[in-house]
N, C-alpha and C. Protein backbone atom coordinates (compact mmCIF):
# COMPACT_ATOMS: atom_id res chain seq x y z
N MET A 1 26.69 6.21 -15.75
CA MET A 1 25.75 6.78 -14.96
C MET A 1 24.46 6.54 -14.91
N GLY A 2 23.65 6.46 -13.57
CA GLY A 2 22.38 6.05 -13.58
C GLY A 2 21.57 7.53 -13.83
N LYS A 3 20.31 7.00 -14.11
CA LYS A 3 19.46 8.05 -14.56
C LYS A 3 18.98 8.81 -13.21
N GLU A 4 18.62 10.00 -13.37
CA GLU A 4 17.96 10.77 -12.19
C GLU A 4 16.45 10.64 -12.33
N LEU A 5 16.20 10.20 -11.16
CA LEU A 5 14.77 9.93 -10.89
C LEU A 5 13.95 11.03 -9.98
N SER A 6 12.72 11.21 -10.08
CA SER A 6 11.88 12.17 -9.25
C SER A 6 11.73 11.63 -7.97
N VAL A 7 11.77 12.58 -6.92
CA VAL A 7 11.75 12.32 -5.62
C VAL A 7 10.39 11.69 -5.29
N ILE A 8 9.94 10.60 -4.44
CA ILE A 8 9.04 10.14 -3.95
C ILE A 8 8.34 10.91 -2.83
N SER A 9 7.01 11.29 -2.77
CA SER A 9 6.74 12.01 -1.57
C SER A 9 5.57 11.04 -1.18
N LEU A 10 5.34 10.87 0.06
CA LEU A 10 4.25 9.88 0.75
C LEU A 10 3.16 11.01 1.23
N PRO A 11 2.30 11.41 0.64
CA PRO A 11 1.07 12.09 1.01
C PRO A 11 0.26 11.55 1.49
N GLN A 12 -0.50 11.92 2.79
CA GLN A 12 -1.71 10.99 3.13
C GLN A 12 -2.97 11.26 2.11
N ALA A 13 -2.95 12.47 1.51
CA ALA A 13 -4.14 12.69 0.57
C ALA A 13 -3.47 13.23 -0.66
N ASP A 14 -4.25 12.94 -1.77
CA ASP A 14 -3.97 13.82 -2.91
C ASP A 14 -4.69 14.99 -3.20
N GLY A 15 -4.76 15.78 -3.85
CA GLY A 15 -5.35 17.15 -4.29
C GLY A 15 -6.73 16.83 -4.56
N ALA A 16 -7.06 15.67 -4.92
CA ALA A 16 -8.56 15.55 -5.17
C ALA A 16 -9.38 15.19 -3.94
N GLY A 17 -8.75 14.99 -3.06
CA GLY A 17 -9.19 14.59 -1.45
C GLY A 17 -9.30 13.27 -1.38
N ASN A 18 -8.33 12.18 -2.13
CA ASN A 18 -8.29 10.74 -1.97
C ASN A 18 -7.52 10.80 -0.73
N GLU A 19 -8.02 9.76 0.25
CA GLU A 19 -6.78 9.34 1.23
C GLU A 19 -6.27 7.90 1.15
N PHE A 20 -5.12 7.97 1.76
CA PHE A 20 -4.21 6.89 1.27
C PHE A 20 -3.96 6.21 2.49
N ILE A 21 -3.84 4.81 2.62
CA ILE A 21 -3.39 3.91 3.64
C ILE A 21 -2.16 3.43 3.16
N TYR A 22 -0.99 3.60 4.09
CA TYR A 22 0.46 3.01 3.80
C TYR A 22 0.69 2.06 4.69
N SER A 23 1.29 0.89 4.17
CA SER A 23 2.09 -0.12 4.71
C SER A 23 3.49 -0.32 4.54
N ARG A 24 4.26 -0.45 5.50
CA ARG A 24 5.68 -0.60 5.21
C ARG A 24 6.22 -1.93 5.61
N VAL A 25 7.24 -2.32 5.07
CA VAL A 25 8.30 -3.29 5.50
C VAL A 25 9.49 -2.72 5.77
N PHE A 26 10.02 -2.68 6.88
CA PHE A 26 11.48 -2.19 7.10
C PHE A 26 12.38 -3.38 6.78
N CYS A 27 13.13 -3.60 5.84
CA CYS A 27 13.79 -4.81 5.27
C CYS A 27 15.16 -4.37 5.73
N GLN A 28 16.12 -5.51 6.14
CA GLN A 28 17.42 -5.61 6.42
C GLN A 28 18.42 -6.24 5.43
N ARG A 29 17.86 -6.70 4.39
CA ARG A 29 18.38 -7.45 3.40
C ARG A 29 19.19 -6.29 2.40
N LYS A 30 20.32 -6.70 1.94
CA LYS A 30 20.92 -5.39 1.09
C LYS A 30 20.04 -5.03 0.15
N ASN A 31 19.52 -5.73 -0.68
CA ASN A 31 18.77 -5.44 -1.99
C ASN A 31 17.68 -6.08 -2.20
N PRO A 32 16.52 -5.39 -2.53
CA PRO A 32 15.13 -6.07 -2.82
C PRO A 32 15.21 -7.06 -3.99
N PRO A 33 14.33 -7.95 -3.63
CA PRO A 33 14.48 -9.03 -4.85
C PRO A 33 13.70 -8.57 -6.20
N PRO A 34 13.97 -8.91 -7.27
CA PRO A 34 13.52 -8.45 -8.55
C PRO A 34 11.88 -8.55 -8.53
N LEU A 35 11.19 -7.88 -9.38
CA LEU A 35 9.61 -8.17 -9.29
C LEU A 35 9.19 -9.32 -9.78
N ARG A 36 9.97 -10.13 -10.58
CA ARG A 36 9.47 -11.24 -10.94
C ARG A 36 9.24 -12.33 -9.76
N LEU A 37 10.13 -12.36 -8.79
CA LEU A 37 10.13 -13.24 -7.59
C LEU A 37 8.64 -12.85 -6.97
N LEU A 38 8.49 -11.56 -6.91
CA LEU A 38 7.33 -11.15 -5.96
C LEU A 38 5.99 -11.79 -6.91
N LEU A 39 6.06 -11.48 -8.17
CA LEU A 39 4.85 -12.21 -8.82
C LEU A 39 4.69 -13.60 -8.69
N ASP A 40 5.81 -14.29 -8.86
CA ASP A 40 5.92 -15.58 -8.95
C ASP A 40 5.11 -16.02 -7.47
N PHE A 41 5.46 -15.35 -6.53
CA PHE A 41 4.98 -15.65 -5.24
C PHE A 41 3.49 -15.23 -5.13
N LEU A 42 3.06 -14.18 -5.52
CA LEU A 42 1.64 -13.93 -5.45
C LEU A 42 0.71 -14.92 -6.34
N LYS A 43 1.13 -15.41 -7.42
CA LYS A 43 0.67 -16.46 -8.21
C LYS A 43 0.66 -17.96 -7.45
N SER A 44 1.73 -17.93 -6.74
CA SER A 44 1.92 -19.36 -5.96
C SER A 44 0.68 -19.30 -4.83
N ARG A 45 0.21 -18.14 -4.43
CA ARG A 45 -0.86 -17.86 -3.43
C ARG A 45 -2.26 -17.55 -4.03
N ASN A 46 -2.50 -18.05 -5.51
CA ASN A 46 -3.45 -17.85 -6.32
C ASN A 46 -3.83 -16.48 -6.26
N GLN A 47 -3.07 -15.88 -6.34
CA GLN A 47 -3.41 -14.33 -6.46
C GLN A 47 -3.09 -14.01 -8.11
N ILE A 48 -3.80 -13.38 -8.79
CA ILE A 48 -3.48 -12.90 -10.25
C ILE A 48 -3.19 -11.32 -10.19
N PRO A 49 -1.67 -11.09 -10.40
CA PRO A 49 -1.56 -9.80 -10.34
C PRO A 49 -1.46 -9.05 -11.76
N LEU A 50 -2.27 -8.16 -11.64
CA LEU A 50 -2.43 -7.22 -13.09
C LEU A 50 -1.36 -6.10 -12.94
N ILE A 51 -0.41 -6.63 -13.95
CA ILE A 51 0.79 -5.38 -14.26
C ILE A 51 0.62 -4.69 -15.45
N PRO A 52 1.27 -3.49 -15.46
CA PRO A 52 1.69 -2.75 -16.66
C PRO A 52 2.45 -3.56 -17.62
N GLN A 53 2.58 -3.52 -19.11
CA GLN A 53 3.18 -4.21 -19.88
C GLN A 53 4.83 -3.88 -19.51
N MET A 54 5.80 -5.13 -19.23
CA MET A 54 6.96 -4.63 -18.78
C MET A 54 8.04 -5.70 -19.79
N THR A 55 9.15 -5.42 -20.00
CA THR A 55 10.13 -6.05 -20.66
C THR A 55 10.58 -7.17 -19.45
N PRO A 56 10.92 -8.41 -20.21
CA PRO A 56 11.47 -9.44 -19.14
C PRO A 56 12.78 -8.84 -18.37
N GLU A 57 13.55 -7.83 -18.88
CA GLU A 57 15.00 -7.60 -17.98
C GLU A 57 14.16 -6.46 -16.94
N THR A 58 13.23 -5.87 -17.04
CA THR A 58 12.69 -4.85 -16.12
C THR A 58 12.12 -5.83 -14.90
N LEU A 59 11.60 -6.98 -15.21
CA LEU A 59 11.12 -7.95 -14.10
C LEU A 59 12.17 -8.55 -13.34
N ASP A 60 13.18 -8.84 -13.97
CA ASP A 60 14.60 -9.29 -13.27
C ASP A 60 15.60 -8.17 -12.71
N ASP A 61 14.97 -6.90 -12.85
CA ASP A 61 16.12 -5.93 -12.30
C ASP A 61 15.91 -5.69 -10.81
N TYR A 62 17.06 -5.57 -10.23
CA TYR A 62 16.92 -5.39 -8.79
C TYR A 62 16.78 -3.91 -8.29
N SER A 63 17.22 -3.18 -9.16
CA SER A 63 17.00 -1.69 -8.93
C SER A 63 15.64 -0.92 -9.28
N TRP A 64 14.38 -1.73 -9.21
CA TRP A 64 13.32 -1.18 -9.51
C TRP A 64 12.85 -0.15 -8.27
N VAL A 65 12.29 0.75 -8.62
CA VAL A 65 11.73 1.88 -7.76
C VAL A 65 10.37 1.70 -7.58
N GLN A 66 9.53 1.83 -8.44
CA GLN A 66 7.92 1.64 -8.23
C GLN A 66 7.48 0.73 -9.23
N ILE A 67 6.05 0.14 -8.68
CA ILE A 67 5.13 -0.49 -9.65
C ILE A 67 3.76 -0.47 -9.05
N ALA A 68 2.95 -0.27 -9.90
CA ALA A 68 1.43 -0.34 -9.53
C ALA A 68 0.71 -2.02 -9.70
N LEU A 69 0.58 -2.56 -8.75
CA LEU A 69 -0.09 -4.05 -8.94
C LEU A 69 -1.45 -4.08 -8.72
N GLY A 70 -2.21 -4.08 -9.73
CA GLY A 70 -3.83 -4.45 -9.59
C GLY A 70 -4.09 -5.95 -9.17
N TYR A 71 -5.23 -5.77 -8.55
CA TYR A 71 -5.85 -7.08 -7.85
C TYR A 71 -7.14 -7.45 -8.47
N HIS A 72 -7.77 -6.38 -8.92
CA HIS A 72 -9.22 -6.45 -9.62
C HIS A 72 -9.30 -5.21 -10.59
N ARG A 73 -9.72 -5.68 -11.56
CA ARG A 73 -9.91 -4.78 -12.97
C ARG A 73 -10.64 -3.58 -12.86
N GLU A 74 -11.66 -3.57 -11.49
CA GLU A 74 -12.43 -2.41 -11.53
C GLU A 74 -12.11 -1.64 -10.28
N LYS A 75 -10.76 -1.96 -9.25
CA LYS A 75 -10.36 -1.11 -8.51
C LYS A 75 -8.74 -0.63 -8.91
N LYS A 76 -8.65 0.30 -8.21
CA LYS A 76 -7.51 0.92 -8.09
C LYS A 76 -6.24 0.24 -8.08
N PRO A 77 -5.22 -0.12 -8.65
CA PRO A 77 -4.18 -0.78 -8.05
C PRO A 77 -3.50 -0.29 -6.87
N ILE A 78 -2.49 -1.30 -6.27
CA ILE A 78 -1.90 -0.94 -4.99
C ILE A 78 -0.50 -0.37 -5.72
N GLN A 79 0.06 0.50 -5.25
CA GLN A 79 1.21 1.14 -5.56
C GLN A 79 2.40 0.59 -4.57
N LEU A 80 3.41 0.23 -5.19
CA LEU A 80 4.65 -0.26 -4.47
C LEU A 80 5.67 0.67 -4.72
N PHE A 81 6.54 1.10 -3.57
CA PHE A 81 7.74 2.03 -3.69
C PHE A 81 8.56 1.17 -2.83
N CYS A 82 9.92 1.35 -3.49
CA CYS A 82 11.07 0.76 -2.84
C CYS A 82 11.97 1.65 -2.61
N ILE A 83 12.19 2.28 -1.32
CA ILE A 83 12.72 3.24 -0.75
C ILE A 83 14.17 2.97 -0.36
N ARG A 84 15.34 3.37 -0.73
CA ARG A 84 16.39 2.87 -0.29
C ARG A 84 17.26 3.67 0.51
N ASN A 85 18.32 3.20 1.26
CA ASN A 85 19.07 4.08 2.43
C ASN A 85 20.14 4.79 1.41
N ALA A 86 20.23 4.80 0.05
CA ALA A 86 21.18 5.58 -0.80
C ALA A 86 20.76 5.93 -2.18
N GLY A 87 21.20 6.69 -2.67
CA GLY A 87 20.65 7.36 -3.91
C GLY A 87 19.64 8.42 -3.73
N THR A 88 18.68 8.41 -4.90
CA THR A 88 17.82 9.62 -5.13
C THR A 88 16.95 9.67 -3.85
N TYR A 89 16.30 8.37 -3.41
CA TYR A 89 15.31 8.41 -2.55
C TYR A 89 15.81 8.42 -0.96
N GLN A 90 17.16 8.73 -0.87
CA GLN A 90 17.82 8.64 0.44
C GLN A 90 17.27 9.67 1.80
N ASP A 91 16.68 10.60 1.14
CA ASP A 91 16.10 11.66 2.27
C ASP A 91 14.78 11.03 2.66
N VAL A 92 14.03 10.36 1.89
CA VAL A 92 12.72 10.09 2.21
C VAL A 92 12.94 8.95 3.05
N PHE A 93 13.86 8.00 2.65
CA PHE A 93 14.41 7.16 3.78
C PHE A 93 14.52 7.39 5.19
N GLU A 94 15.58 8.17 4.99
CA GLU A 94 15.89 8.74 6.29
C GLU A 94 15.08 9.57 7.01
N GLN A 95 13.88 10.07 6.58
CA GLN A 95 12.76 10.90 7.29
C GLN A 95 11.96 9.62 7.76
N GLU A 96 11.74 8.77 6.96
CA GLU A 96 10.64 7.54 7.37
C GLU A 96 11.31 6.87 8.71
N GLN A 97 12.71 6.42 8.53
CA GLN A 97 13.46 5.84 9.44
C GLN A 97 13.39 6.57 10.70
N ALA A 98 13.82 7.91 10.60
CA ALA A 98 14.05 8.83 11.90
C ALA A 98 12.50 8.81 12.58
N GLY A 99 11.58 8.91 12.00
CA GLY A 99 10.21 9.15 12.65
C GLY A 99 9.77 8.25 13.31
N PHE A 100 9.87 6.85 12.53
CA PHE A 100 9.20 5.62 13.17
C PHE A 100 10.21 5.32 14.28
N SER A 101 11.83 5.56 14.33
CA SER A 101 12.57 5.32 15.53
C SER A 101 12.25 6.08 16.43
N ARG A 102 11.95 7.54 16.27
CA ARG A 102 11.37 8.27 17.27
C ARG A 102 10.17 7.79 18.10
N LEU A 103 9.23 7.55 17.08
CA LEU A 103 7.89 7.18 17.54
C LEU A 103 7.96 5.82 18.63
N LEU A 104 8.81 4.93 17.96
CA LEU A 104 8.99 3.68 18.85
C LEU A 104 9.81 3.86 20.35
N SER A 105 10.57 4.63 20.08
CA SER A 105 11.26 5.17 21.52
C SER A 105 10.38 5.63 22.33
N ALA A 106 8.99 6.21 22.30
CA ALA A 106 8.15 6.40 23.23
C ALA A 106 7.42 5.42 23.94
N PHE A 107 7.49 4.15 23.46
CA PHE A 107 6.93 3.14 23.90
C PHE A 107 7.61 2.46 25.07
N GLY A 108 8.69 2.19 24.90
CA GLY A 108 9.63 1.74 26.02
C GLY A 108 9.29 0.25 26.22
N ASP A 109 8.79 -0.50 25.54
CA ASP A 109 8.55 -1.88 25.88
C ASP A 109 9.65 -3.08 24.98
N VAL A 110 9.54 -4.24 25.23
CA VAL A 110 10.45 -4.97 24.54
C VAL A 110 10.03 -5.09 23.12
N GLU A 111 8.74 -5.15 22.94
CA GLU A 111 8.12 -5.46 21.27
C GLU A 111 8.51 -4.13 20.63
N ALA A 112 8.30 -3.01 21.27
CA ALA A 112 8.60 -1.84 20.61
C ALA A 112 9.86 -1.47 20.32
N ASP A 113 11.00 -1.74 21.15
CA ASP A 113 12.36 -1.99 21.04
C ASP A 113 12.95 -3.01 19.96
N LEU A 114 12.30 -4.26 19.85
CA LEU A 114 12.41 -5.18 18.62
C LEU A 114 12.13 -4.34 17.65
N ALA A 115 11.00 -3.74 17.28
CA ALA A 115 10.48 -3.31 16.15
C ALA A 115 11.62 -1.93 15.77
N LYS A 116 11.92 -1.23 16.64
CA LYS A 116 12.82 -0.14 16.61
C LYS A 116 14.24 -0.51 16.03
N GLU A 117 14.48 -1.88 16.31
CA GLU A 117 15.80 -2.61 15.91
C GLU A 117 15.71 -2.73 14.28
N PHE A 118 14.63 -3.30 13.96
CA PHE A 118 14.38 -3.47 12.63
C PHE A 118 14.37 -2.07 11.73
N VAL A 119 13.74 -1.19 12.30
CA VAL A 119 13.70 0.22 11.57
C VAL A 119 14.90 0.89 11.31
N VAL A 120 15.84 0.79 12.63
CA VAL A 120 17.20 1.31 12.57
C VAL A 120 18.21 0.52 11.63
N ARG A 121 17.97 -0.99 11.57
CA ARG A 121 18.95 -1.73 10.82
C ARG A 121 18.36 -1.85 9.26
N ALA A 122 17.28 -1.27 8.96
CA ALA A 122 16.66 -1.48 7.50
C ALA A 122 17.72 -0.70 6.71
N THR A 123 17.84 -1.42 5.55
CA THR A 123 18.47 -0.93 4.12
C THR A 123 17.48 -0.42 3.24
N PHE A 124 16.41 -0.85 3.20
CA PHE A 124 15.37 -0.17 2.60
C PHE A 124 14.09 -0.48 2.99
N ILE A 125 13.31 0.21 2.33
CA ILE A 125 11.75 0.30 2.83
C ILE A 125 10.95 -0.10 1.68
N LEU A 126 10.19 -1.26 1.94
CA LEU A 126 8.99 -1.34 0.88
C LEU A 126 7.81 -0.76 1.30
N VAL A 127 7.27 0.24 0.55
CA VAL A 127 5.98 1.01 0.99
C VAL A 127 4.95 0.61 0.05
N THR A 128 3.83 0.33 0.57
CA THR A 128 2.57 0.31 -0.37
C THR A 128 1.58 1.21 0.09
N ARG A 129 0.97 1.70 -1.03
CA ARG A 129 0.06 2.75 -1.02
C ARG A 129 -1.37 2.26 -1.54
N ILE A 130 -2.34 2.44 -0.62
CA ILE A 130 -3.71 2.01 -1.05
C ILE A 130 -4.63 3.07 -0.97
N LEU A 131 -5.38 3.49 -2.07
CA LEU A 131 -6.50 4.50 -2.07
C LEU A 131 -7.53 3.96 -1.19
N LYS A 132 -7.78 4.38 0.16
CA LYS A 132 -8.66 4.25 1.38
C LYS A 132 -10.21 4.08 0.58
N ASN A 133 -10.58 4.83 -0.20
CA ASN A 133 -12.16 4.69 -0.38
C ASN A 133 -12.13 3.65 -1.80
N ASP A 134 -11.44 3.46 -2.29
CA ASP A 134 -11.48 2.05 -3.40
C ASP A 134 -11.01 0.70 -3.04
N ILE A 135 -10.62 0.31 -1.53
CA ILE A 135 -9.99 -0.93 -1.83
C ILE A 135 -11.17 -1.61 -1.15
N ALA A 136 -11.16 -3.14 -1.85
CA ALA A 136 -12.05 -4.10 -1.51
C ALA A 136 -11.38 -4.99 -0.37
N GLU A 137 -11.92 -5.97 0.10
CA GLU A 137 -11.50 -6.98 1.27
C GLU A 137 -10.45 -7.78 0.31
N GLU A 138 -10.52 -7.98 -1.14
CA GLU A 138 -9.44 -8.91 -1.46
C GLU A 138 -8.18 -7.92 -1.77
N GLY A 139 -8.44 -6.54 -1.75
CA GLY A 139 -7.31 -6.00 -2.16
C GLY A 139 -6.44 -5.96 -0.58
N TYR A 140 -7.28 -5.75 0.60
CA TYR A 140 -6.52 -5.99 1.69
C TYR A 140 -5.59 -7.45 1.83
N ASP A 141 -6.11 -8.58 1.37
CA ASP A 141 -5.67 -9.98 1.38
C ASP A 141 -4.27 -9.71 0.32
N PHE A 142 -4.53 -8.80 -0.68
CA PHE A 142 -3.39 -8.93 -1.61
C PHE A 142 -2.31 -8.15 -1.28
N ASN A 143 -2.52 -7.25 -0.57
CA ASN A 143 -1.65 -6.11 0.18
C ASN A 143 -0.93 -7.07 1.16
N GLY A 144 -1.76 -7.99 1.99
CA GLY A 144 -1.06 -8.70 3.03
C GLY A 144 -0.14 -9.71 2.42
N TRP A 145 -0.16 -10.11 1.31
CA TRP A 145 0.45 -11.36 0.45
C TRP A 145 1.83 -10.35 0.16
N ILE A 146 1.66 -9.36 -0.47
CA ILE A 146 2.97 -8.41 -0.59
C ILE A 146 3.87 -8.13 0.70
N LEU A 147 3.03 -7.76 1.48
CA LEU A 147 3.69 -7.60 2.68
C LEU A 147 4.60 -8.73 3.44
N GLU A 148 3.82 -9.76 3.39
CA GLU A 148 4.48 -11.14 3.81
C GLU A 148 5.79 -11.44 2.85
N PHE A 149 5.61 -11.46 1.66
CA PHE A 149 6.87 -11.76 0.65
C PHE A 149 7.97 -10.82 1.33
N PHE A 150 7.74 -9.56 1.30
CA PHE A 150 8.91 -8.98 1.86
C PHE A 150 9.50 -8.92 3.25
N GLN A 151 8.64 -9.31 4.26
CA GLN A 151 8.80 -9.75 5.56
C GLN A 151 9.61 -10.74 5.56
N GLU A 152 9.32 -11.97 4.75
CA GLU A 152 10.06 -13.15 5.04
C GLU A 152 11.14 -13.21 4.25
N ASN A 153 11.40 -12.61 2.83
CA ASN A 153 12.34 -12.63 2.15
C ASN A 153 13.34 -11.75 2.34
N CYS A 154 13.12 -10.57 2.88
CA CYS A 154 14.06 -9.59 3.11
C CYS A 154 14.36 -9.08 4.61
N THR A 155 14.15 -10.26 5.60
CA THR A 155 14.35 -10.01 6.95
C THR A 155 13.50 -8.57 7.41
N GLY A 156 12.12 -8.72 7.47
CA GLY A 156 11.71 -7.43 7.74
C GLY A 156 10.77 -7.30 8.63
N VAL A 157 10.27 -6.19 9.04
CA VAL A 157 8.82 -6.14 10.34
C VAL A 157 8.16 -5.26 9.40
N VAL A 158 6.59 -5.81 9.46
CA VAL A 158 5.52 -4.83 9.01
C VAL A 158 5.00 -3.93 9.86
N GLN A 159 4.69 -2.65 8.95
CA GLN A 159 3.93 -1.55 9.89
C GLN A 159 2.89 -1.21 8.98
N ILE A 160 1.70 -0.99 9.38
CA ILE A 160 0.40 -0.62 8.88
C ILE A 160 -0.07 0.87 9.62
N ASP A 161 0.02 1.98 8.66
CA ASP A 161 -0.76 3.07 9.25
C ASP A 161 -2.12 2.93 10.02
N GLU A 162 -2.35 3.42 11.26
CA GLU A 162 -3.61 3.55 12.00
C GLU A 162 -3.59 2.08 12.68
N GLN A 163 -2.62 1.14 12.55
CA GLN A 163 -2.70 0.07 13.17
C GLN A 163 -1.25 -0.11 14.00
N GLY A 164 -0.13 -0.42 13.44
CA GLY A 164 0.97 -0.43 14.01
C GLY A 164 1.95 -1.64 13.56
N PHE A 165 2.77 -2.30 14.25
CA PHE A 165 3.90 -3.03 13.81
C PHE A 165 3.39 -4.43 14.22
N PHE A 166 3.89 -5.47 13.30
CA PHE A 166 3.31 -6.83 13.72
C PHE A 166 4.40 -7.80 13.27
N SER A 167 4.27 -8.95 14.07
CA SER A 167 5.31 -10.04 14.15
C SER A 167 5.20 -10.76 13.07
N PRO A 168 6.21 -11.84 12.62
CA PRO A 168 6.00 -12.56 11.44
C PRO A 168 4.82 -13.47 11.26
N GLN A 169 4.35 -13.83 12.53
CA GLN A 169 3.11 -14.53 12.65
C GLN A 169 1.86 -13.68 12.58
N GLY A 170 1.94 -12.50 12.37
CA GLY A 170 0.88 -11.59 12.05
C GLY A 170 -0.19 -11.05 13.37
N GLU A 171 0.71 -11.08 14.39
CA GLU A 171 0.24 -10.47 15.62
C GLU A 171 0.62 -9.21 15.86
N LEU A 172 -0.38 -8.22 16.36
CA LEU A 172 -0.09 -6.92 16.41
C LEU A 172 0.92 -6.87 17.76
N ILE A 173 2.26 -6.43 17.54
CA ILE A 173 3.31 -6.20 18.72
C ILE A 173 3.36 -5.01 19.07
N VAL A 174 3.15 -4.01 18.52
CA VAL A 174 3.14 -2.64 18.80
C VAL A 174 2.00 -1.96 18.16
N ASP A 175 0.83 -1.52 19.22
CA ASP A 175 -0.08 -0.92 18.63
C ASP A 175 -0.22 0.49 18.62
N MET A 176 -0.37 1.24 17.32
CA MET A 176 -0.23 2.51 17.29
C MET A 176 -1.52 3.07 16.99
N GLN A 177 -2.67 2.66 17.21
CA GLN A 177 -3.89 3.10 16.62
C GLN A 177 -4.33 4.28 17.56
N ASP A 178 -4.06 4.29 18.74
CA ASP A 178 -4.49 5.45 19.81
C ASP A 178 -3.17 6.25 20.22
N HIS A 179 -1.92 5.81 19.83
CA HIS A 179 -1.12 6.42 20.27
C HIS A 179 -1.07 8.04 20.04
N SER A 180 -1.06 8.66 21.04
CA SER A 180 -1.02 10.25 20.81
C SER A 180 0.23 10.66 20.20
N THR A 181 1.16 10.26 20.08
CA THR A 181 2.28 10.98 19.12
C THR A 181 2.47 10.52 17.77
N GLN A 182 1.40 9.75 17.52
CA GLN A 182 1.55 9.56 15.89
C GLN A 182 1.19 10.53 15.26
N GLN A 183 1.59 10.70 14.03
CA GLN A 183 1.84 11.76 13.32
C GLN A 183 2.13 11.46 11.94
N ASP A 184 1.70 12.39 10.81
CA ASP A 184 2.22 11.90 9.50
C ASP A 184 3.60 12.07 9.39
N LEU A 185 4.05 10.89 9.29
CA LEU A 185 5.68 10.80 9.19
C LEU A 185 6.04 10.99 7.59
N SER A 186 5.08 11.25 6.88
CA SER A 186 5.38 11.44 5.52
C SER A 186 5.73 12.60 5.02
N ARG A 187 5.64 13.69 5.94
CA ARG A 187 6.06 15.18 6.07
C ARG A 187 7.16 15.64 6.88
N PRO A 188 8.08 16.49 6.42
CA PRO A 188 9.12 16.57 7.30
C PRO A 188 8.67 17.19 8.53
N GLU A 189 9.29 16.98 9.74
CA GLU A 189 8.84 17.50 11.21
C GLU A 189 9.79 18.60 11.17
N ILE A 190 9.19 19.86 11.54
CA ILE A 190 10.05 20.95 11.51
C ILE A 190 9.57 21.54 13.10
N PRO A 191 10.64 21.47 13.89
CA PRO A 191 10.32 22.14 15.22
C PRO A 191 9.96 23.79 15.31
N SER A 192 9.29 23.96 16.39
CA SER A 192 8.52 25.60 16.34
C SER A 192 9.80 26.00 17.11
């Protein structure tokens, strides 16, 4: 029997007033790749990920849930969460999937329909969380490599908060910067 894990919540800010930027890859592959493959990919792109001490077995495990990857010793690390369509985090997965599906339905164009198809067919969502007031340009680049890895290797589509959805070529296909229905999808929506 698997161990019970605490529930991940995706707040837009913490108790200290620090704001977060989230990016996601809605992935259609059945299981996420082990962390070792991600680290090897980052190293092949001349990135030096700073990771906590981990056993080799942990790096090769497909059932990882979260990790913090540093890109610079003086900056806060980027947090990665793997939210699956089954198990402990299923409620968070369903909330993210339903919220983005509903949001994309409001656009009514081909690109939004394509992005919605990825959202609806996703089996897991890779989420990165960046501390907004502590990120450097190299951190945005580092995050971009992480997103690219999951997009390419897990048949995914990238979404970045305050921007929108991106094609595999990095082009913005669904602009959500000024969309009036964009909301905090990390909290349950309770109708009045």
